[in-house]
PDB file of N, CA and C in Angstrom:
ATOM      1  N   UNK A   1       7.724 145.983  -7.328  1.00  0.00           N
ATOM      2  CA  UNK A   1       8.308 146.867  -8.481  1.00  0.00           C
ATOM      3  C   UNK A   1       8.401 148.278  -7.994  1.00  0.00           C
ATOM      4  N   UNK A   2       7.355 149.009  -7.297  1.00  0.00           N
ATOM      5  CA  UNK A   2       7.225 150.283  -6.923  1.00  0.00           C
ATOM      6  C   UNK A   2       8.403 150.590  -6.126  1.00  0.00           C
ATOM      7  N   UNK A   3       8.590 149.852  -5.184  1.00  0.00           N
ATOM      8  CA  UNK A   3       9.755 150.132  -4.559  1.00  0.00           C
ATOM      9  C   UNK A   3      11.270 150.195  -5.137  1.00  0.00           C
ATOM     10  N   UNK A   4      11.296 149.236  -6.019  1.00  0.00           N
ATOM     11  CA  UNK A   4      12.454 149.061  -6.829  1.00  0.00           C
ATOM     12  C   UNK A   4      12.777 150.460  -7.656  1.00  0.00           C
ATOM     13  N   UNK A   5      11.689 150.906  -8.300  1.00  0.00           N
ATOM     14  CA  UNK A   5      11.659 152.132  -9.043  1.00  0.00           C
ATOM     15  C   UNK A   5      12.012 153.244  -8.225  1.00  0.00           C
ATOM     16  N   UNK A   6      11.271 153.215  -6.721  1.00  0.00           N
ATOM     17  CA  UNK A   6      11.646 154.408  -5.912  1.00  0.00           C
ATOM     18  C   UNK A   6      13.016 154.423  -5.615  1.00  0.00           C
ATOM     19  N   UNK A   7      13.693 153.312  -5.557  1.00  0.00           N
ATOM     20  CA  UNK A   7      15.166 153.453  -5.268  1.00  0.00           C
ATOM     21  C   UNK A   7      15.920 154.409  -6.396  1.00  0.00           C
ATOM     22  N   UNK A   8      15.482 154.431  -7.587  1.00  0.00           N
ATOM     23  CA  UNK A   8      15.908 155.345  -8.615  1.00  0.00           C
ATOM     24  C   UNK A   8      15.920 156.871  -8.117  1.00  0.00           C
ATOM     25  N   UNK A   9      15.229 156.897  -7.099  1.00  0.00           N
ATOM     26  CA  UNK A   9      15.144 158.528  -6.939  1.00  0.00           C
ATOM     27  C   UNK A   9      16.025 158.758  -5.471  1.00  0.00           C
ATOM     28  N   UNK A  10      16.743 157.882  -4.963  1.00  0.00           N
ATOM     29  CA  UNK A  10      17.635 157.837  -3.867  1.00  0.00           C
ATOM     30  C   UNK A  10      18.339 159.312  -3.516  1.00  0.00           C
ATOM     31  N   UNK A  11      18.692 159.874  -4.778  1.00  0.00           N
ATOM     32  CA  UNK A  11      19.631 161.164  -4.915  1.00  0.00           C
ATOM     33  C   UNK A  11      18.877 162.163  -4.677  1.00  0.00           C
ATOM     34  N   UNK A  12      17.580 162.231  -4.866  1.00  0.00           N
ATOM     35  CA  UNK A  12      16.722 163.398  -4.773  1.00  0.00           C
ATOM     36  C   UNK A  12      16.701 164.311  -3.610  1.00  0.00           C
ATOM     37  N   UNK A  13      16.966 163.797  -2.436  1.00  0.00           N
ATOM     38  CA  UNK A  13      16.850 164.566  -1.613  1.00  0.00           C
ATOM     39  C   UNK A  13      18.206 165.207  -1.280  1.00  0.00           C
ATOM     40  N   UNK A  14      19.531 164.403  -1.851  1.00  0.00           N
ATOM     41  CA  UNK A  14      20.502 165.116  -1.605  1.00  0.00           C
ATOM     42  C   UNK A  14      20.658 166.293  -2.653  1.00  0.00           C
ATOM     43  N   UNK A  15      19.928 166.004  -3.967  1.00  0.00           N
ATOM     44  CA  UNK A  15      19.921 167.241  -4.776  1.00  0.00           C
ATOM     45  C   UNK A  15      19.268 168.418  -4.297  1.00  0.00           C
ATOM     46  N   UNK A  16      18.048 168.526  -3.506  1.00  0.00           N
ATOM     47  CA  UNK A  16      17.485 169.467  -3.175  1.00  0.00           C
ATOM     48  C   UNK A  16      18.102 170.156  -1.804  1.00  0.00           C
ATOM     49  N   UNK A  17      18.822 169.269  -0.886  1.00  0.00           N
ATOM     50  CA  UNK A  17      19.738 169.830  -0.032  1.00  0.00           C
ATOM     51  C   UNK A  17      20.666 170.690  -0.444  1.00  0.00           C
ATOM     52  N   UNK A  18      21.241 170.156  -1.720  1.00  0.00           N
ATOM     53  CA  UNK A  18      22.304 170.982  -2.340  1.00  0.00           C
ATOM     54  C   UNK A  18      21.869 172.046  -2.710  1.00  0.00           C
ATOM     55  N   UNK A  19      20.812 172.325  -3.285  1.00  0.00           N
ATOM     56  CA  UNK A  19      19.945 173.279  -3.896  1.00  0.00           C
ATOM     57  C   UNK A  19      19.834 174.552  -2.936  1.00  0.00           C
ATOM     58  N   UNK A  20      19.339 174.062  -1.578  1.00  0.00           N
ATOM     59  CA  UNK A  20      19.186 174.800  -0.633  1.00  0.00           C
ATOM     60  C   UNK A  20      20.420 175.535   0.090  1.00  0.00           C
ATOM     61  N   UNK A  21      21.398 174.787   0.058  1.00  0.00           N
ATOM     62  CA  UNK A  21      22.795 175.200   0.539  1.00  0.00           C
ATOM     63  C   UNK A  21      23.207 176.293  -0.608  1.00  0.00           C
ATOM     64  N   UNK A  22      23.113 176.186  -2.083  1.00  0.00           N
ATOM     65  CA  UNK A  22      23.633 177.202  -3.049  1.00  0.00           C
ATOM     66  C   UNK A  22      22.373 178.366  -2.586  1.00  0.00           C
ATOM     67  N   UNK A  23      21.423 178.308  -2.395  1.00  0.00           N
ATOM     68  CA  UNK A  23      20.288 179.228  -2.465  1.00  0.00           C
ATOM     69  C   UNK A  23      20.665 180.227  -0.951  1.00  0.00           C
ATOM     70  N   UNK A  24      21.013 179.440  -0.079  1.00  0.00           N
ATOM     71  CA  UNK A  24      21.551 180.082   1.359  1.00  0.00           C
ATOM     72  C   UNK A  24      23.063 180.523   1.170  1.00  0.00           C
ATOM     73  N   UNK A  25      23.868 180.466   0.135  1.00  0.00           N
ATOM     74  CA  UNK A  25      24.980 181.048  -0.238  1.00  0.00           C
ATOM     75  C   UNK A  25      25.860 180.190   1.023  1.00  0.00           C
ATOM     76  N   UNK A  26      25.782 178.811   1.342  1.00  0.00           N
ATOM     77  CA  UNK A  26      26.590 178.133   2.198  1.00  0.00           C
ATOM     78  C   UNK A  26      27.309 177.095   1.441  1.00  0.00           C
ATOM     79  N   UNK A  27      27.836 177.586   0.322  1.00  0.00           N
ATOM     80  CA  UNK A  27      28.637 176.566  -0.780  1.00  0.00           C
ATOM     81  C   UNK A  27      30.233 176.401  -0.025  1.00  0.00           C
ATOM     82  N   UNK A  28      30.486 177.482   0.942  1.00  0.00           N
ATOM     83  CA  UNK A  28      31.864 176.992   1.298  1.00  0.00           C
ATOM     84  C   UNK A  28      31.715 176.150   2.791  1.00  0.00           C
ATOM     85  N   UNK A  29      30.448 175.439   2.945  1.00  0.00           N
ATOM     86  CA  UNK A  29      30.710 174.975   4.047  1.00  0.00           C
ATOM     87  C   UNK A  29      30.946 173.547   3.979  1.00  0.00           C
ATOM     88  N   UNK A  30      31.236 172.879   5.138  1.00  0.00           N
ATOM     89  CA  UNK A  30      31.339 171.506   5.417  1.00  0.00           C
ATOM     90  C   UNK A  30      30.053 170.719   5.150  1.00  0.00           C
ATOM     91  N   UNK A  31      28.812 171.304   5.322  1.00  0.00           N
ATOM     92  CA  UNK A  31      27.792 170.722   4.914  1.00  0.00           C
ATOM     93  C   UNK A  31      27.274 170.678   3.303  1.00  0.00           C
ATOM     94  N   UNK A  32      27.823 171.574   2.819  1.00  0.00           N
ATOM     95  CA  UNK A  32      27.671 171.630   1.376  1.00  0.00           C
ATOM     96  C   UNK A  32      28.633 170.342   0.663  1.00  0.00           C
ATOM     97  N   UNK A  33      29.576 170.463   1.274  1.00  0.00           N
ATOM     98  CA  UNK A  33      30.565 169.346   0.673  1.00  0.00           C
ATOM     99  C   UNK A  33      29.925 167.955   0.876  1.00  0.00           C
ATOM    100  N   UNK A  34      29.862 167.897   2.239  1.00  0.00           N
ATOM    101  CA  UNK A  34      29.085 166.580   2.531  1.00  0.00           C
ATOM    102  C   UNK A  34      27.559 166.189   1.668  1.00  0.00           C
ATOM    103  N   UNK A  35      26.931 167.096   1.386  1.00  0.00           N
ATOM    104  CA  UNK A  35      25.714 166.951   0.906  1.00  0.00           C
ATOM    105  C   UNK A  35      25.852 166.813  -0.761  1.00  0.00           C
ATOM    106  N   UNK A  36      26.838 167.261  -1.237  1.00  0.00           N
ATOM    107  CA  UNK A  36      27.282 167.188  -2.624  1.00  0.00           C
ATOM    108  C   UNK A  36      27.817 165.681  -2.798  1.00  0.00           C
ATOM    109  N   UNK A  37      28.909 165.398  -1.941  1.00  0.00           N
ATOM    110  CA  UNK A  37      29.372 164.121  -1.825  1.00  0.00           C
ATOM    111  C   UNK A  37      28.206 162.867  -1.661  1.00  0.00           C
ATOM    112  N   UNK A  38      27.257 163.289  -0.930  1.00  0.00           N
ATOM    113  CA  UNK A  38      26.181 162.287  -0.940  1.00  0.00           C
ATOM    114  C   UNK A  38      25.300 162.067  -2.073  1.00  0.00           C
ATOM    115  N   UNK A  39      25.236 163.477  -2.813  1.00  0.00           N
ATOM    116  CA  UNK A  39      24.468 163.453  -4.052  1.00  0.00           C
ATOM    117  C   UNK A  39      24.973 162.691  -5.235  1.00  0.00           C
ATOM    118  N   UNK A  40      26.318 162.842  -5.297  1.00  0.00           N
ATOM    119  CA  UNK A  40      27.059 162.087  -6.468  1.00  0.00           C
ATOM    120  C   UNK A  40      27.161 160.557  -5.936  1.00  0.00           C
ATOM    121  N   UNK A  41      27.490 160.149  -4.773  1.00  0.00           N
ATOM    122  CA  UNK A  41      27.486 158.724  -4.554  1.00  0.00           C
ATOM    123  C   UNK A  41      26.162 158.090  -4.734  1.00  0.00           C
ATOM    124  N   UNK A  42      24.922 158.742  -4.185  1.00  0.00           N
ATOM    125  CA  UNK A  42      23.909 158.047  -4.150  1.00  0.00           C
ATOM    126  C   UNK A  42      23.173 158.405  -5.443  1.00  0.00           C
ATOM    127  N   UNK A  43      23.527 159.145  -6.638  1.00  0.00           N
ATOM    128  CA  UNK A  43      23.285 159.102  -7.877  1.00  0.00           C
ATOM    129  C   UNK A  43      23.725 158.186  -8.709  1.00  0.00           C
ATOM    130  N   UNK A  44      25.115 157.783  -8.498  1.00  0.00           N
ATOM    131  CA  UNK A  44      26.015 156.968  -8.929  1.00  0.00           C
ATOM    132  C   UNK A  44      25.650 155.506  -8.647  1.00  0.00           C
ATOM    133  N   UNK A  45      25.161 155.247  -7.393  1.00  0.00           N
ATOM    134  CA  UNK A  45      24.873 153.931  -7.016  1.00  0.00           C
ATOM    135  C   UNK A  45      23.462 153.551  -7.226  1.00  0.00           C
ATOM    136  N   UNK A  46      22.449 154.471  -7.068  1.00  0.00           N
ATOM    137  CA  UNK A  46      21.107 154.175  -7.523  1.00  0.00           C
ATOM    138  C   UNK A  46      20.628 154.139  -8.791  1.00  0.00           C
ATOM    139  N   UNK A  47      21.417 155.405  -9.522  1.00  0.00           N
ATOM    140  CA  UNK A  47      20.974 155.071 -11.213  1.00  0.00           C
ATOM    141  C   UNK A  47      21.744 154.628 -12.071  1.00  0.00           C
ATOM    142  N   UNK A  48      23.210 154.532 -11.699  1.00  0.00           N
ATOM    143  CA  UNK A  48      24.024 153.893 -12.680  1.00  0.00           C
ATOM    144  C   UNK A  48      24.308 152.422 -12.293  1.00  0.00           C
ATOM    145  N   UNK A  49      24.864 152.308 -11.036  1.00  0.00           N
ATOM    146  CA  UNK A  49      25.040 150.626 -10.914  1.00  0.00           C
ATOM    147  C   UNK A  49      23.575 149.914 -10.829  1.00  0.00           C
ATOM    148  N   UNK A  50      22.847 150.470  -9.724  1.00  0.00           N
ATOM    149  CA  UNK A  50      21.559 149.649  -9.699  1.00  0.00           C
ATOM    150  C   UNK A  50      20.504 149.734 -10.789  1.00  0.00           C
ATOM    151  N   UNK A  51      20.478 150.896 -11.414  1.00  0.00           N
ATOM    152  CA  UNK A  51      19.417 151.248 -12.556  1.00  0.00           C
ATOM    153  C   UNK A  51      19.992 150.510 -13.582  1.00  0.00           C
ATOM    154  N   UNK A  52      21.171 150.447 -14.033  1.00  0.00           N
ATOM    155  CA  UNK A  52      21.587 149.861 -15.265  1.00  0.00           C
ATOM    156  C   UNK A  52      21.581 148.411 -15.235  1.00  0.00           C
ATOM    157  N   UNK A  53      21.888 147.989 -13.788  1.00  0.00           N
ATOM    158  CA  UNK A  53      21.578 146.633 -13.521  1.00  0.00           C
ATOM    159  C   UNK A  53      20.254 146.117 -13.852  1.00  0.00           C
ATOM    160  N   UNK A  54      19.298 146.705 -13.279  1.00  0.00           N
ATOM    161  CA  UNK A  54      17.698 146.325 -13.456  1.00  0.00           C
ATOM    162  C   UNK A  54      17.138 146.416 -14.681  1.00  0.00           C
ATOM    163  N   UNK A  55      17.895 147.545 -15.575  1.00  0.00           N
ATOM    164  CA  UNK A  55      17.052 147.501 -16.858  1.00  0.00           C
ATOM    165  C   UNK A  55      17.965 146.571 -17.923  1.00  0.00           C
ATOM    166  N   UNK A  56      18.983 146.375 -17.842  1.00  0.00           N
ATOM    167  CA  UNK A  56      19.828 145.713 -18.964  1.00  0.00           C
ATOM    168  C   UNK A  56      20.347 144.349 -18.586  1.00  0.00           C
ATOM    169  N   UNK A  57      20.413 144.071 -17.144  1.00  0.00           N
ATOM    170  CA  UNK A  57      21.199 142.842 -16.841  1.00  0.00           C
ATOM    171  C   UNK A  57      20.259 141.598 -17.263  1.00  0.00           C
ATOM    172  N   UNK A  58      20.902 140.586 -17.810  1.00  0.00           N
ATOM    173  CA  UNK A  58      20.177 139.355 -17.957  1.00  0.00           C
ATOM    174  C   UNK A  58      19.147 138.795 -16.904  1.00  0.00           C
ATOM    175  N   UNK A  59      18.134 138.550 -17.105  1.00  0.00           N
ATOM    176  CA  UNK A  59      17.170 137.989 -15.981  1.00  0.00           C
ATOM    177  C   UNK A  59      16.514 139.203 -15.502  1.00  0.00           C
ATOM    178  N   UNK A  60      16.742 140.205 -15.806  1.00  0.00           N
ATOM    179  CA  UNK A  60      16.032 141.626 -15.227  1.00  0.00           C
ATOM    180  C   UNK A  60      15.059 142.226 -16.004  1.00  0.00           C
ATOM    181  N   UNK A  61      14.523 143.452 -15.936  1.00  0.00           N
ATOM    182  CA  UNK A  61      13.607 143.989 -16.539  1.00  0.00           C
ATOM    183  C   UNK A  61      13.131 143.956 -17.816  1.00  0.00           C
ATOM    184  N   UNK A  62      14.401 143.809 -18.703  1.00  0.00           N
ATOM    185  CA  UNK A  62      14.306 143.815 -20.028  1.00  0.00           C
ATOM    186  C   UNK A  62      14.293 142.410 -20.594  1.00  0.00           C
ATOM    187  N   UNK A  63      14.778 141.483 -19.884  1.00  0.00           N
ATOM    188  CA  UNK A  63      14.382 139.926 -20.270  1.00  0.00           C
ATOM    189  C   UNK A  63      13.132 139.689 -20.071  1.00  0.00           C
ATOM    190  N   UNK A  64      12.649 140.293 -19.009  1.00  0.00           N
ATOM    191  CA  UNK A  64      11.152 139.810 -18.761  1.00  0.00           C
ATOM    192  C   UNK A  64      10.274 140.715 -19.542  1.00  0.00           C
ATOM    193  N   UNK A  65      10.640 141.693 -20.189  1.00  0.00           N
ATOM    194  CA  UNK A  65       9.836 142.325 -21.335  1.00  0.00           C
ATOM    195  C   UNK A  65      10.022 141.377 -22.715  1.00  0.00           C
ATOM    196  N   UNK A  66      11.077 141.124 -22.921  1.00  0.00           N
ATOM    197  CA  UNK A  66      11.302 140.104 -23.934  1.00  0.00           C
ATOM    198  C   UNK A  66      10.703 138.700 -23.778  1.00  0.00           C
ATOM    199  N   UNK A  67      10.603 138.109 -22.718  1.00  0.00           N
ATOM    200  CA  UNK A  67       9.462 137.055 -22.658  1.00  0.00           C
ATOM    201  C   UNK A  67       8.159 137.414 -22.703  1.00  0.00           C
ATOM    202  N   UNK A  68       7.857 138.449 -22.427  1.00  0.00           N
ATOM    203  CA  UNK A  68       6.372 138.969 -22.493  1.00  0.00           C
ATOM    204  C   UNK A  68       6.100 139.078 -24.186  1.00  0.00           C
ATOM    205  N   UNK A  69       7.150 139.507 -24.819  1.00  0.00           N
ATOM    206  CA  UNK A  69       6.929 139.645 -26.257  1.00  0.00           C
ATOM    207  C   UNK A  69       6.757 138.320 -27.075  1.00  0.00           C
ATOM    208  N   UNK A  70       7.627 137.268 -26.419  1.00  0.00           N
ATOM    209  CA  UNK A  70       7.331 135.998 -27.117  1.00  0.00           C
ATOM    210  C   UNK A  70       6.169 134.946 -26.723  1.00  0.00           C
ATOM    211  N   UNK A  71       5.550 135.761 -25.866  1.00  0.00           N
ATOM    212  CA  UNK A  71       4.508 134.846 -25.221  1.00  0.00           C
ATOM    213  C   UNK A  71       3.442 135.081 -26.352  1.00  0.00           C
ATOM    214  N   UNK A  72       2.859 133.816 -26.898  1.00  0.00           N
ATOM    215  CA  UNK A  72       1.957 133.694 -27.943  1.00  0.00           C
ATOM    216  C   UNK A  72       0.479 133.791 -27.553  1.00  0.00           C
ATOM    217  N   UNK A  73       0.076 134.132 -26.265  1.00  0.00           N
ATOM    218  CA  UNK A  73      -1.268 133.956 -25.900  1.00  0.00           C
ATOM    219  C   UNK A  73      -1.803 135.530 -25.906  1.00  0.00           C
ATOM    220  N   UNK A  74      -1.137 136.576 -26.413  1.00  0.00           N
ATOM    221  CA  UNK A  74      -1.908 137.762 -26.647  1.00  0.00           C
ATOM    222  C   UNK A  74      -2.361 138.580 -25.433  1.00  0.00           C
ATOM    223  N   UNK A  75      -1.735 138.239 -24.315  1.00  0.00           N
ATOM    224  CA  UNK A  75      -2.307 138.800 -23.023  1.00  0.00           C
ATOM    225  C   UNK A  75      -1.640 140.127 -22.979  1.00  0.00           C
ATOM    226  N   UNK A  76      -0.412 140.268 -23.349  1.00  0.00           N
ATOM    227  CA  UNK A  76       0.274 141.694 -23.295  1.00  0.00           C
ATOM    228  C   UNK A  76       0.435 142.465 -24.763  1.00  0.00           C
ATOM    229  N   UNK A  77       0.009 143.748 -24.531  1.00  0.00           N
ATOM    230  CA  UNK A  77       0.085 144.385 -25.759  1.00  0.00           C
ATOM    231  C   UNK A  77       1.587 144.735 -26.127  1.00  0.00           C
ATOM    232  N   UNK A  78       1.980 144.289 -27.501  1.00  0.00           N
ATOM    233  CA  UNK A  78       3.385 144.525 -27.809  1.00  0.00           C
ATOM    234  C   UNK A  78       3.785 146.074 -27.886  1.00  0.00           C
ATOM    235  N   UNK A  79       2.907 147.073 -28.211  1.00  0.00           N
ATOM    236  CA  UNK A  79       3.282 148.341 -28.295  1.00  0.00           C
ATOM    237  C   UNK A  79       3.624 148.828 -26.763  1.00  0.00           C
ATOM    238  N   UNK A  80       2.819 148.548 -25.785  1.00  0.00           N
ATOM    239  CA  UNK A  80       3.280 148.664 -24.434  1.00  0.00           C
ATOM    240  C   UNK A  80       4.855 148.300 -23.961  1.00  0.00           C
ATOM    241  N   UNK A  81       5.011 147.129 -24.350  1.00  0.00           N
ATOM    242  CA  UNK A  81       6.366 146.511 -24.364  1.00  0.00           C
ATOM    243  C   UNK A  81       7.551 147.299 -24.739  1.00  0.00           C
ATOM    244  N   UNK A  82       7.249 147.429 -26.201  1.00  0.00           N
ATOM    245  CA  UNK A  82       8.053 148.335 -26.908  1.00  0.00           C
ATOM    246  C   UNK A  82       8.465 149.839 -26.375  1.00  0.00           C
ATOM    247  N   UNK A  83       7.418 150.424 -25.937  1.00  0.00           N
ATOM    248  CA  UNK A  83       7.491 151.638 -25.467  1.00  0.00           C
ATOM    249  C   UNK A  83       8.212 151.731 -23.948  1.00  0.00           C
ATOM    250  N   UNK A  84       7.901 150.410 -23.229  1.00  0.00           N
ATOM    251  CA  UNK A  84       8.881 150.341 -21.838  1.00  0.00           C
ATOM    252  C   UNK A  84      10.245 150.389 -22.402  1.00  0.00           C
ATOM    253  N   UNK A  85      10.568 149.348 -23.472  1.00  0.00           N
ATOM    254  CA  UNK A  85      12.010 149.132 -23.813  1.00  0.00           C
ATOM    255  C   UNK A  85      12.426 150.708 -24.283  1.00  0.00           C
ATOM    256  N   UNK A  86      12.024 151.263 -25.050  1.00  0.00           N
ATOM    257  CA  UNK A  86      12.351 152.661 -25.446  1.00  0.00           C
ATOM    258  C   UNK A  86      12.372 153.710 -24.415  1.00  0.00           C
ATOM    259  N   UNK A  87      11.790 153.524 -23.451  1.00  0.00           N
ATOM    260  CA  UNK A  87      11.727 154.623 -22.351  1.00  0.00           C
ATOM    261  C   UNK A  87      12.916 153.999 -21.402  1.00  0.00           C
ATOM    262  N   UNK A  88      13.221 152.740 -21.094  1.00  0.00           N
ATOM    263  CA  UNK A  88      14.364 152.412 -20.324  1.00  0.00           C
ATOM    264  C   UNK A  88      15.459 152.661 -21.159  1.00  0.00           C
ATOM    265  N   UNK A  89      15.367 152.618 -22.257  1.00  0.00           N
ATOM    266  CA  UNK A  89      16.866 153.257 -23.175  1.00  0.00           C
ATOM    267  C   UNK A  89      17.155 154.705 -22.847  1.00  0.00           C
ATOM    268  N   UNK A  90      15.967 155.369 -23.114  1.00  0.00           N
ATOM    269  CA  UNK A  90      16.114 156.729 -23.207  1.00  0.00           C
ATOM    270  C   UNK A  90      16.606 157.151 -21.742  1.00  0.00           C
ATOM    271  N   UNK A  91      15.771 156.707 -20.715  1.00  0.00           N
ATOM    272  CA  UNK A  91      16.353 157.056 -19.322  1.00  0.00           C
ATOM    273  C   UNK A  91      17.566 156.715 -18.890  1.00  0.00           C
ATOM    274  N   UNK A  92      17.888 155.471 -19.506  1.00  0.00           N
ATOM    275  CA  UNK A  92      19.234 154.881 -19.170  1.00  0.00           C
ATOM    276  C   UNK A  92      20.467 155.715 -19.531  1.00  0.00           C
ATOM    277  N   UNK A  93      20.214 156.294 -20.952  1.00  0.00           N
ATOM    278  CA  UNK A  93      21.108 157.236 -21.442  1.00  0.00           C
ATOM    279  C   UNK A  93      21.225 158.452 -20.761  1.00  0.00           C
ATOM    280  N   UNK A  94      19.925 158.935 -20.425  1.00  0.00           N
ATOM    281  CA  UNK A  94      19.832 160.122 -19.900  1.00  0.00           C
ATOM    282  C   UNK A  94      20.682 160.059 -18.345  1.00  0.00           C
ATOM    283  N   UNK A  95      20.463 159.145 -17.687  1.00  0.00           N
ATOM    284  CA  UNK A  95      21.343 158.895 -16.399  1.00  0.00           C
ATOM    285  C   UNK A  95      22.853 158.964 -16.501  1.00  0.00           C
ATOM    286  N   UNK A  96      23.303 158.001 -17.899  1.00  0.00           N
ATOM    287  CA  UNK A  96      24.694 158.147 -18.009  1.00  0.00           C
ATOM    288  C   UNK A  96      25.262 159.423 -18.457  1.00  0.00           C
ATOM    289  N   UNK A  97      24.532 160.379 -19.107  1.00  0.00           N
ATOM    290  CA  UNK A  97      24.819 161.640 -19.641  1.00  0.00           C
ATOM    291  C   UNK A  97      24.814 162.469 -18.586  1.00  0.00           C
ATOM    292  N   UNK A  98      23.977 162.379 -17.619  1.00  0.00           N
ATOM    293  CA  UNK A  98      24.097 163.317 -16.180  1.00  0.00           C
ATOM    294  C   UNK A  98      25.361 162.750 -15.252  1.00  0.00           C
ATOM    295  N   UNK A  99      25.595 161.539 -15.121  1.00  0.00           N
ATOM    296  CA  UNK A  99      26.785 161.320 -14.194  1.00  0.00           C
ATOM    297  C   UNK A  99      28.047 161.564 -15.056  1.00  0.00           C
ATOM    298  N   UNK A 100      27.881 161.685 -15.974  1.00  0.00           N
ATOM    299  CA  UNK A 100      29.290 162.409 -16.969  1.00  0.00           C
ATOM    300  C   UNK A 100      29.385 163.812 -16.671  1.00  0.00           C
ATOM    301  N   UNK A 101      28.302 164.352 -16.623  1.00  0.00           N
ATOM    302  CA  UNK A 101      28.044 165.977 -16.473  1.00  0.00           C
ATOM    303  C   UNK A 101      28.622 166.212 -15.186  1.00  0.00           C
ATOM    304  N   UNK A 102      27.876 165.355 -13.941  1.00  0.00           N
ATOM    305  CA  UNK A 102      28.218 165.757 -12.724  1.00  0.00           C
ATOM    306  C   UNK A 102      29.604 165.371 -12.255  1.00  0.00           C
ATOM    307  N   UNK A 103      30.255 164.279 -12.769  1.00  0.00           N
ATOM    308  CA  UNK A 103      31.624 164.132 -12.478  1.00  0.00           C
ATOM    309  C   UNK A 103      32.483 165.152 -13.096  1.00  0.00           C
ATOM    310  N   UNK A 104      32.228 165.533 -14.610  1.00  0.00           N
ATOM    311  CA  UNK A 104      33.051 166.642 -15.119  1.00  0.00           C
ATOM    312  C   UNK A 104      33.016 168.119 -14.277  1.00  0.00           C
ATOM    313  N   UNK A 105      31.797 168.300 -13.982  1.00  0.00           N
ATOM    314  CA  UNK A 105      31.776 169.588 -13.034  1.00  0.00           C
ATOM    315  C   UNK A 105      32.254 169.471 -11.774  1.00  0.00           C
ATOM    316  N   UNK A 106      32.384 168.361 -11.287  1.00  0.00           N
ATOM    317  CA  UNK A 106      33.269 167.953  -9.918  1.00  0.00           C
ATOM    318  C   UNK A 106      34.602 168.390 -10.103  1.00  0.00           C
ATOM    319  N   UNK A 107      35.206 167.551 -11.280  1.00  0.00           N
ATOM    320  CA  UNK A 107      36.701 167.769 -11.565  1.00  0.00           C
ATOM    321  C   UNK A 107      36.841 168.941 -11.770  1.00  0.00           C
ATOM    322  N   UNK A 108      35.944 169.759 -12.706  1.00  0.00           N
ATOM    323  CA  UNK A 108      36.346 171.081 -12.910  1.00  0.00           C
ATOM    324  C   UNK A 108      36.416 172.255 -11.621  1.00  0.00           C
ATOM    325  N   UNK A 109      35.711 171.884 -10.696  1.00  0.00           N
ATOM    326  CA  UNK A 109      35.576 172.675  -9.568  1.00  0.00           C
ATOM    327  C   UNK A 109      36.800 171.948  -8.900  1.00  0.00           C
ATOM    328  N   UNK A 110      37.188 171.022  -8.925  1.00  0.00           N
ATOM    329  CA  UNK A 110      38.574 170.577  -8.101  1.00  0.00           C
ATOM    330  C   UNK A 110      39.893 171.316  -8.847  1.00  0.00           C
ATOM    331  N   UNK A 111      39.682 171.226  -9.969  1.00  0.00           N
ATOM    332  CA  UNK A 111      40.766 172.009 -10.720  1.00  0.00           C
ATOM    333  C   UNK A 111      40.859 173.614 -10.375  1.00  0.00           C
ATOM    334  N   UNK A 112      39.827 174.206 -10.269  1.00  0.00           N
ATOM    335  CA  UNK A 112      39.605 175.353  -9.847  1.00  0.00           C
ATOM    336  C   UNK A 112      40.384 175.884  -8.723  1.00  0.00           C
ATOM    337  N   UNK A 113      39.804 174.681  -7.609  1.00  0.00           N
ATOM    338  CA  UNK A 113      40.375 175.311  -6.512  1.00  0.00           C
ATOM    339  C   UNK A 113      41.783 174.947  -5.854  1.00  0.00           C
ATOM    340  N   UNK A 114      42.287 173.905  -6.830  1.00  0.00           N
ATOM    341  CA  UNK A 114      43.873 173.904  -7.035  1.00  0.00           C
ATOM    342  C   UNK A 114      44.569 175.046  -7.422  1.00  0.00           C
ATOM    343  N   UNK A 115      44.052 175.629  -8.724  1.00  0.00           N
ATOM    344  CA  UNK A 115      44.956 176.481  -9.330  1.00  0.00           C
ATOM    345  C   UNK A 115      44.882 178.152  -8.398  1.00  0.00           C
ATOM    346  N   UNK A 116      43.536 178.229  -7.461  1.00  0.00           N
ATOM    347  CA  UNK A 116      43.326 179.337  -6.765  1.00  0.00           C
ATOM    348  C   UNK A 116      44.170 179.428  -5.656  1.00  0.00           C
TER     349      UNK A 116
END
């Protein structure tokens, strides 16, 4: 499970490389374009496609949590399971919010470059 959750962070190296390009004022370079595209693609695939699948698709994490809640042998604390489900919902909502913000910013940037 650790490796799977680490995959959620696949976009982080691109985020930091992008920040370095901004700080070194290389936003007009081909490197910045490649890094930005890599960031958007890795964020979309790791957090939206893969992340939402792992959290919400039947047979994945949320289903396993529901099975643990239905387990009658009291080996799992239900409050921890509820906290997991709430956390998964909040983090999924944040990821959707951020991908919308990222795509909106990319489209605004594209419109500015076309109008210039």
